[in-house]
Structures are given as C-alpha cells and as structure tokens.
Amino acid sequence: MPVELGPASFAEHTTLRVGGVVRTWIIARTEDACIEAVVECDDLGDPLLVLGGGSNVVCSDAPFEGTVVQIAPTGISTTDRGGHVRVVAAAGEEWDDLVLRTLEAGCAAFAPLSGIPGLVGASPIQNIGAYGVEVSDFIVSVRVWDRIDRAVRELSNEECLFGYRTSMFKSSIDRFVVLSVTFDLPLDESVSVRYAQLASELGVGVGDCVTGTRVRQAVLELRRGKGMLLDVDDRDTWSVGSFFVNPVVPQEQAQDLPKDCPTFPSPEGMKVSAAWLIDNSGAGCGFQLSESGARVSTKHSLAICNADHATCEDVLELARAMRARVQERFGIELVPEPRLIGCVL
C-alpha cells in the first residue's frame, strides 16, 4: 500500500531545496502501490506530480494543491546471458547503487556514470550521460504505467526515441510512469575511456581500457571537484547539477565561435560547451545577482546553487541572466536541463 505523509514541501525533498508546500505526499514502495496511487488520483481528477529523487527539478514556491507520488520501488536482478549481463532495476533504486551493483557483477560499462544523483526511473527520461557514455547505449526496454491506456507497457529502446539528454518520455512527461528499466551490459571489468578529461585524470589515452573500479574512483573525484556530488555541508552541491544542456548548433555557426571554444560532433550538428559559453559571457563560477540567494557554483559554471535560503524565483532570475548574457555574446540560446514544476524560464 502507498504510504501517505500528508503535507510536505518540495524544499524538503529536492536537491535544490527550494519549492512550496505540497498538500499530499505519497511514497509508493512497490510497483502495485505506484499504479494504485496514480490511478486513484486520476480517478479523482486530482492534480498529480510523479517524482523520483528530486535531483532534476526546479519547483515553484507556490503551494501545490494536489498529490505528489514519490516512486520508490526497489530491487535489482542480474542474469548472466553469456558475454553480457541482463539487469532489471526497479525505478526507485538509487542510480549510483546500481552502478556499484553492476561493477560487483563484473560489468564496468556504467563506471563513467558514477556519482550521478537520482533514481533509476529517471535515467531513461533524461537519457543521463557523462564522460562519453549515455544510459541509452545499454537500455533494452523500459517498463511503464501508461496513464492514458491504463495498462502496463514494455517499451523497447527504439520506442523510447532517445536523443542527447532527452527521450520520448520528456515530450509525454505526464503520460508514462517508469516502473523499472532493463539493461544489457557487457561482461567486462574494464571500460574504454572516451572522454579526454577523464583520460587525463586517469593518466591514459582516449580509447584506452581501464578497470571499472579505477574509472569510478576518477569520476567521483572529478564530480566532487565540480560540486556535483551531494554534500549537505557544501552549498555548491545544493543544485540540480548541470542547469543547462550543451547546445547543438549548425556546423557553420560553430565555426564562427572563438577557436578555443570546445565543440564536439553530434548527429544533429556541433555540440558546444555550455560551461565555456557561460564562463566567457561573464556569468561564470560565483556569479550572483544583487540580493539573491542563488549563485552560480564556485566550482562549476553549469550549476546554479542554493547559496543562502534561495527561492525558486531567485534561481530562475539567475538562470535568465546567464541565458541572456550567452545569447547577447554568442547568439546561442541555452536550454534548461531540469524539469520546471509550476514555473517557467
């Protein structure tokens, strides 16, 4: 059965620690409880927000006069299928716990994704990625509750329409509730290092193979140095991680950027470093508007942090200022990565 907490607040349950009071907060710890809670809200016509770990949302300061269903089923199963391991993980599992579990099973593929906050259920929605690896590279299928068809469905990798930091789920954000995700991982304790910064941290060349344990340790150190590992005592980590995605622009536009601006080929054009654009527009690390509780992290210019009792509007005003400076300086519009709840940028 779902567990009802009664009134709660987004500020208590999100990594950015901003947001208003929620009328009803329900924790659903099994797949059946998730479906039951969602169906009950839908039957009543009650405003509903389905939430996971709260690490990729910016929530309004206004009261939410509805129900939040927090998806919390747990359980991980692994099956050796000869040369690879089939992994089925419930949506409420912590993502980094899954990384550790797969490393223990002899699979290093997820090591570059170590330390990413949030739950397994969010991984296909966002198509999480880091250091040259995207989770969609390994997803076989996603088990969901379809709120329109009122049925459990198993969506294939192809049906999920994965792209850079996106998926079909983001365009149908209120239709599907992720219940579990199935992955196929190579049975290999080493992983090819695809990202130059990670290779440098490890002291190897791009393309070299390194044990998953070493890769994980290096990734955690890099993330810690950027304030991207949650730490209650470090205000730089009171954030949603990267607030903006790296923009993808036509190759002709990328060629007009300064020579030292990092760009990377992508299927849609050229991916440009959002961090570089922000740094070189004058809104980099430590940038803060007057009398605002929000600040650009002192460790990484892609993170907006709750530096001092920030409100949602503090965060949004800062994000708008950063976006405007980049637009004015480089003619590129930054796109936010987190989901905005009850607010707009």
Protein backbone atom coordinates (compact mmCIF):
# COMPACT_ATOMS: atom_id res chain seq x y z
CA MET A 1 0.00 0.00 0.00
CA PRO A 2 1.18 3.56 -0.62
CA VAL A 3 2.35 5.47 2.46
CA GLU A 4 0.78 8.92 2.82
CA LEU A 5 2.92 11.53 4.54
CA GLY A 6 0.37 14.32 4.48
CA PRO A 7 1.66 17.87 3.94
CA ALA A 8 5.30 18.20 2.92
CA SER A 9 7.32 20.61 0.79
CA PHE A 10 9.42 20.45 -2.33
CA ALA A 11 12.19 22.19 -0.41
CA GLU A 12 12.41 19.14 1.88
CA HIS A 13 12.51 16.59 -0.94
CA THR A 14 14.63 18.10 -3.73
CA THR A 15 18.38 18.59 -4.07
CA LEU A 16 17.99 22.29 -4.91
CA ARG A 17 15.98 22.70 -1.69
CA VAL A 18 13.51 25.25 -2.99
CA GLY A 19 9.77 24.96 -3.54
CA GLY A 20 6.45 25.30 -1.81
CA VAL A 21 4.24 23.18 0.41
CA VAL A 22 2.58 20.11 -1.11
CA ARG A 23 -0.90 19.20 0.09
CA THR A 24 -0.39 15.42 -0.02
CA TRP A 25 2.83 13.45 -0.39
CA ILE A 26 2.65 9.69 -1.04
CA ILE A 27 5.59 7.28 -1.06
CA ALA A 28 4.87 4.25 -3.24
CA ARG A 29 7.32 1.45 -2.38
CA THR A 30 6.07 -1.26 -4.75
CA GLU A 31 5.08 -1.33 -8.41
CA ASP A 32 1.47 -2.07 -7.46
CA ALA A 33 1.47 0.81 -4.97
CA CYS A 34 2.71 3.19 -7.69
CA ILE A 35 -0.07 2.18 -10.03
CA GLU A 36 -2.71 2.27 -7.28
CA ALA A 37 -1.74 5.78 -6.16
CA VAL A 38 -1.63 7.16 -9.70
CA VAL A 39 -4.95 5.56 -10.70
CA GLU A 40 -6.66 6.88 -7.57
CA CYS A 41 -5.51 10.44 -8.32
CA ASP A 42 -6.53 10.12 -11.96
CA ASP A 43 -9.96 8.79 -10.99
CA LEU A 44 -10.48 11.73 -8.64
CA GLY A 45 -9.15 14.25 -11.14
CA ASP A 46 -6.65 15.35 -8.52
CA PRO A 47 -3.59 17.32 -9.69
CA LEU A 48 -0.73 14.82 -9.69
CA LEU A 49 3.03 15.04 -9.89
CA VAL A 50 5.09 11.86 -10.15
CA LEU A 51 8.53 12.38 -8.64
CA GLY A 52 11.66 10.29 -8.11
CA GLY A 53 14.71 11.50 -6.22
CA GLY A 54 14.06 15.21 -6.76
CA SER A 55 17.52 15.84 -8.21
CA ASN A 56 16.48 17.28 -11.57
CA VAL A 57 13.52 19.54 -10.80
CA VAL A 58 13.02 23.22 -10.05
CA CYS A 59 9.75 23.68 -8.15
CA SER A 60 7.66 26.79 -7.68
CA ASP A 61 7.46 28.45 -4.28
CA ALA A 62 3.67 28.44 -4.56
CA PRO A 63 1.69 25.74 -2.70
CA PHE A 64 0.95 22.63 -4.75
CA GLU A 65 -2.73 21.85 -4.22
CA GLY A 66 -2.51 18.25 -5.31
CA THR A 67 -0.68 14.99 -4.70
CA VAL A 68 2.95 14.06 -5.23
CA VAL A 69 3.53 10.35 -5.73
CA GLN A 70 7.14 9.54 -4.97
CA ILE A 71 8.21 6.46 -6.93
CA ALA A 72 10.16 4.23 -4.54
CA PRO A 73 10.04 0.52 -5.55
CA THR A 74 13.39 -1.24 -5.09
CA GLY A 75 15.01 -4.41 -6.35
CA ILE A 76 17.79 -5.34 -8.77
CA SER A 77 18.16 -8.67 -10.56
CA THR A 78 21.12 -9.78 -12.69
CA THR A 79 21.27 -12.70 -15.11
CA ASP A 80 24.41 -13.93 -16.88
CA ARG A 81 23.49 -14.37 -20.54
CA GLY A 82 26.91 -15.35 -21.88
CA GLY A 83 29.20 -12.41 -22.62
CA HIS A 84 26.78 -9.91 -21.15
CA VAL A 85 24.57 -9.46 -18.10
CA ARG A 86 20.85 -8.69 -18.21
CA VAL A 87 20.00 -6.27 -15.39
CA VAL A 88 16.47 -5.37 -14.32
CA ALA A 89 16.31 -2.48 -11.84
CA ALA A 90 13.23 -1.03 -10.15
CA ALA A 91 12.58 2.66 -10.67
CA GLY A 92 13.12 3.59 -7.02
CA GLU A 93 16.69 2.26 -6.81
CA GLU A 94 19.40 4.87 -6.34
CA TRP A 95 21.27 5.19 -9.61
CA ASP A 96 24.72 5.03 -8.00
CA ASP A 97 23.74 1.88 -6.09
CA LEU A 98 23.03 0.29 -9.47
CA VAL A 99 26.46 1.36 -10.72
CA LEU A 100 28.08 -0.36 -7.74
CA ARG A 101 25.93 -3.47 -8.13
CA THR A 102 26.87 -3.86 -11.79
CA LEU A 103 30.56 -3.36 -11.01
CA GLU A 104 30.29 -6.20 -8.49
CA ALA A 105 28.70 -8.33 -11.23
CA GLY A 106 31.77 -7.82 -13.43
CA CYS A 107 30.36 -5.09 -15.66
CA ALA A 108 32.30 -1.82 -15.90
CA ALA A 109 30.10 -0.12 -18.50
CA PHE A 110 28.32 2.18 -16.03
CA ALA A 111 31.52 3.29 -14.23
CA PRO A 112 31.69 6.63 -16.15
CA LEU A 113 28.16 7.34 -14.86
CA SER A 114 29.21 7.02 -11.22
CA GLY A 115 28.00 9.59 -8.72
CA ILE A 116 25.04 10.87 -10.73
CA PRO A 117 22.29 11.69 -8.22
CA GLY A 118 18.75 10.46 -8.64
CA LEU A 119 16.94 7.20 -9.24
CA VAL A 120 16.97 4.52 -11.91
CA GLY A 121 13.49 5.57 -13.05
CA ALA A 122 14.79 8.97 -14.15
CA SER A 123 17.66 7.54 -16.18
CA PRO A 124 15.72 6.84 -19.40
CA ILE A 125 13.63 10.01 -19.14
CA GLN A 126 16.68 12.22 -19.13
CA ASN A 127 18.90 9.76 -21.02
CA ILE A 128 21.53 10.51 -18.40
CA GLY A 129 25.09 10.68 -19.60
CA ALA A 130 28.59 11.67 -18.57
CA TYR A 131 32.18 11.30 -19.73
CA GLY A 132 31.28 9.96 -23.15
CA VAL A 133 28.63 7.43 -22.07
CA GLU A 134 24.82 7.60 -22.30
CA VAL A 135 22.49 5.22 -20.49
CA SER A 136 20.54 4.63 -23.70
CA ASP A 137 23.57 2.74 -25.03
CA PHE A 138 22.59 -0.11 -22.70
CA ILE A 139 18.81 0.10 -22.24
CA VAL A 140 16.87 -2.86 -23.62
CA SER A 141 13.41 -1.75 -22.52
CA VAL A 142 11.52 0.42 -20.05
CA ARG A 143 8.53 -0.89 -18.13
CA VAL A 144 5.92 1.82 -17.61
CA TRP A 145 2.38 2.50 -16.46
CA ASP A 146 0.53 4.22 -19.29
CA ARG A 147 -1.93 6.69 -17.71
CA ILE A 148 -3.90 7.09 -20.93
CA ASP A 149 -4.24 3.42 -21.90
CA ARG A 150 -4.33 2.40 -18.22
CA ALA A 151 -2.01 -0.51 -18.83
CA VAL A 152 1.50 -1.67 -18.06
CA ARG A 153 3.65 -1.49 -21.19
CA GLU A 154 7.17 -2.61 -22.05
CA LEU A 155 8.73 -0.01 -24.36
CA SER A 156 11.74 -1.01 -26.45
CA ASN A 157 14.86 1.10 -26.76
CA GLU A 158 13.72 2.20 -30.22
CA GLU A 159 10.28 3.23 -28.95
CA CYS A 160 11.88 5.47 -26.32
CA LEU A 161 13.30 7.76 -29.05
CA PHE A 162 16.47 8.58 -27.15
CA GLY A 163 18.49 11.66 -28.00
CA TYR A 164 21.02 13.89 -26.28
CA ARG A 165 19.62 14.37 -22.75
CA THR A 166 16.14 13.58 -23.99
CA SER A 167 13.67 10.82 -24.82
CA MET A 168 10.08 10.25 -25.79
CA PHE A 169 9.22 10.47 -22.09
CA LYS A 170 10.18 14.15 -21.90
CA SER A 171 7.66 15.04 -24.59
CA SER A 172 4.99 12.91 -22.86
CA ILE A 173 6.08 13.71 -19.33
CA ASP A 174 2.67 13.23 -17.71
CA ARG A 175 1.64 10.08 -19.59
CA PHE A 176 4.15 7.43 -18.52
CA VAL A 177 5.25 6.35 -15.04
CA VAL A 178 8.52 4.44 -15.19
CA LEU A 179 8.34 1.28 -13.08
CA SER A 180 11.60 -0.48 -13.97
CA VAL A 181 14.37 -0.48 -16.56
CA THR A 182 16.08 -3.43 -18.25
CA PHE A 183 19.73 -3.13 -19.33
CA ASP A 184 22.21 -5.34 -21.18
CA LEU A 185 25.81 -4.76 -20.04
CA PRO A 186 28.98 -6.35 -21.45
CA LEU A 187 30.57 -8.80 -19.03
CA ASP A 188 33.86 -6.92 -18.88
CA GLU A 189 35.63 -5.47 -15.84
CA SER A 190 37.29 -2.79 -17.98
CA VAL A 191 35.81 0.07 -19.96
CA SER A 192 37.13 2.16 -22.85
CA VAL A 193 37.77 5.75 -21.75
CA ARG A 194 36.11 8.00 -24.34
CA TYR A 195 36.42 11.42 -22.71
CA ALA A 196 39.62 13.48 -22.73
CA GLN A 197 39.19 14.96 -19.24
CA LEU A 198 38.63 11.53 -17.72
CA ALA A 199 41.58 10.10 -19.63
CA SER A 200 43.78 12.89 -18.30
CA GLU A 201 42.61 12.24 -14.73
CA LEU A 202 43.50 8.57 -15.17
CA GLY A 203 46.79 9.25 -16.93
CA VAL A 204 45.82 7.24 -20.02
CA GLY A 205 44.97 7.96 -23.65
CA VAL A 206 41.48 8.37 -25.06
CA GLY A 207 40.32 4.93 -26.15
CA ASP A 208 42.46 3.06 -23.61
CA CYS A 209 40.76 0.43 -21.47
CA VAL A 210 40.81 0.86 -17.68
CA THR A 211 39.23 -1.17 -14.90
CA GLY A 212 35.79 -0.04 -13.84
CA THR A 213 36.96 0.47 -10.25
CA ARG A 214 39.66 2.94 -11.32
CA VAL A 215 37.27 4.74 -13.65
CA ARG A 216 34.68 5.05 -10.89
CA GLN A 217 37.21 6.49 -8.44
CA ALA A 218 38.41 9.02 -11.01
CA VAL A 219 34.87 10.04 -11.97
CA LEU A 220 33.90 10.55 -8.33
CA GLU A 221 36.93 12.77 -7.80
CA LEU A 222 36.12 14.82 -10.89
CA ARG A 223 32.49 15.19 -9.83
CA ARG A 224 33.48 16.12 -6.29
CA GLY A 225 35.81 18.81 -7.63
CA LYS A 226 32.92 20.24 -9.64
CA GLY A 227 30.49 20.20 -6.71
CA MET A 228 28.44 17.51 -8.44
CA LEU A 229 28.38 15.05 -5.52
CA LEU A 230 25.68 15.76 -2.96
CA ASP A 231 27.08 17.07 0.33
CA VAL A 232 24.85 18.64 2.97
CA ASP A 233 27.76 20.80 4.16
CA ASP A 234 28.66 22.14 0.70
CA ARG A 235 26.19 24.69 -0.65
CA ASP A 236 27.66 24.32 -4.13
CA THR A 237 26.03 20.88 -4.23
CA TRP A 238 22.57 22.22 -3.36
CA SER A 239 21.67 22.24 -7.03
CA VAL A 240 20.17 20.23 -9.87
CA GLY A 241 23.62 19.52 -11.27
CA SER A 242 24.02 20.96 -14.76
CA PHE A 243 21.30 23.57 -15.21
CA PHE A 244 21.80 23.93 -18.98
CA VAL A 245 22.48 21.32 -21.64
CA ASN A 246 25.29 21.74 -24.12
CA PRO A 247 23.64 23.44 -27.10
CA VAL A 248 23.79 21.80 -30.53
CA VAL A 249 24.25 24.29 -33.38
CA PRO A 250 24.80 24.06 -37.16
CA GLN A 251 28.42 23.48 -38.15
CA GLU A 252 28.57 26.89 -39.83
CA GLN A 253 27.60 28.63 -36.59
CA ALA A 254 30.12 26.60 -34.61
CA GLN A 255 32.88 27.69 -36.98
CA ASP A 256 32.15 31.32 -36.14
CA LEU A 257 32.80 30.77 -32.44
CA PRO A 258 36.21 31.59 -30.94
CA LYS A 259 38.85 28.95 -31.69
CA ASP A 260 39.23 27.97 -28.02
CA CYS A 261 35.51 27.17 -27.60
CA PRO A 262 35.20 23.39 -27.17
CA THR A 263 32.94 21.77 -29.79
CA PHE A 264 32.10 18.15 -30.46
CA PRO A 265 30.48 16.49 -33.48
CA SER A 266 26.96 15.18 -32.92
CA PRO A 267 24.33 13.64 -35.23
CA GLU A 268 22.38 16.94 -35.25
CA GLY A 269 25.33 19.30 -35.80
CA MET A 270 28.04 20.51 -33.44
CA LYS A 271 27.70 20.30 -29.68
CA VAL A 272 29.09 23.36 -27.90
CA SER A 273 30.30 23.53 -24.31
CA ALA A 274 27.64 25.41 -22.33
CA ALA A 275 30.12 25.86 -19.48
CA TRP A 276 32.58 27.64 -21.79
CA LEU A 277 29.83 29.89 -23.16
CA ILE A 278 28.76 30.84 -19.64
CA ASP A 279 32.31 31.42 -18.44
CA ASN A 280 33.09 33.63 -21.41
CA SER A 281 29.89 35.65 -21.15
CA GLY A 282 30.81 36.92 -17.69
CA ALA A 283 28.40 34.71 -15.72
CA GLY A 284 30.81 32.00 -14.62
CA CYS A 285 31.72 30.49 -11.26
CA GLY A 286 30.50 32.53 -8.31
CA PHE A 287 28.32 34.87 -10.39
CA GLN A 288 25.42 36.20 -8.31
CA LEU A 289 22.74 38.83 -8.74
CA SER A 290 22.36 41.50 -6.09
CA GLU A 291 20.40 40.41 -3.01
CA SER A 292 19.79 36.91 -4.41
CA GLY A 293 20.04 33.64 -2.51
CA ALA A 294 21.02 31.80 -5.69
CA ARG A 295 24.55 31.72 -7.10
CA VAL A 296 26.49 30.04 -9.85
CA SER A 297 28.53 27.33 -8.14
CA THR A 298 32.06 28.37 -7.21
CA LYS A 299 33.24 25.03 -8.65
CA HIS A 300 31.38 24.68 -11.94
CA SER A 301 29.61 27.27 -14.07
CA LEU A 302 26.85 24.89 -15.20
CA ALA A 303 25.43 24.56 -11.69
CA ILE A 304 23.10 27.07 -10.06
CA CYS A 305 23.13 26.52 -6.33
CA ASN A 306 21.03 27.49 -3.34
CA ALA A 307 23.69 29.58 -1.64
CA ASP A 308 21.59 31.29 1.04
CA HIS A 309 17.89 30.48 1.50
CA ALA A 310 17.19 30.89 -2.20
CA THR A 311 13.68 31.00 -3.57
CA CYS A 312 12.58 29.46 -6.84
CA GLU A 313 12.40 32.93 -8.36
CA ASP A 314 15.99 33.62 -7.25
CA VAL A 315 17.09 30.56 -9.20
CA LEU A 316 15.06 31.47 -12.28
CA GLU A 317 16.22 35.10 -12.31
CA LEU A 318 19.83 33.97 -12.23
CA ALA A 319 19.23 31.41 -14.98
CA ARG A 320 17.58 34.09 -17.14
CA ALA A 321 20.53 36.42 -16.63
CA MET A 322 23.00 33.70 -17.60
CA ARG A 323 20.96 32.77 -20.66
CA ALA A 324 20.66 36.42 -21.75
CA ARG A 325 24.41 37.04 -21.47
CA VAL A 326 25.23 33.98 -23.58
CA GLN A 327 22.60 34.95 -26.15
CA GLU A 328 23.94 38.50 -26.39
CA ARG A 329 27.59 37.47 -26.59
CA PHE A 330 27.40 34.38 -28.82
CA GLY A 331 23.91 34.29 -30.37
CA ILE A 332 23.18 30.90 -28.81
CA GLU A 333 20.16 30.26 -26.59
CA LEU A 334 20.79 27.94 -23.66
CA VAL A 335 18.15 25.31 -22.87
CA PRO A 336 17.50 24.25 -19.25
CA GLU A 337 18.12 20.63 -18.35
CA PRO A 338 15.89 20.22 -15.23
CA ARG A 339 12.12 19.92 -15.31
CA LEU A 340 10.38 23.12 -14.23
CA ILE A 341 7.37 22.48 -11.95
CA GLY A 342 4.83 25.30 -11.75
CA CYS A 343 7.28 27.84 -13.13
CA VAL A 344 8.79 28.93 -16.42
CA LEU A 345 12.16 30.24 -17.51
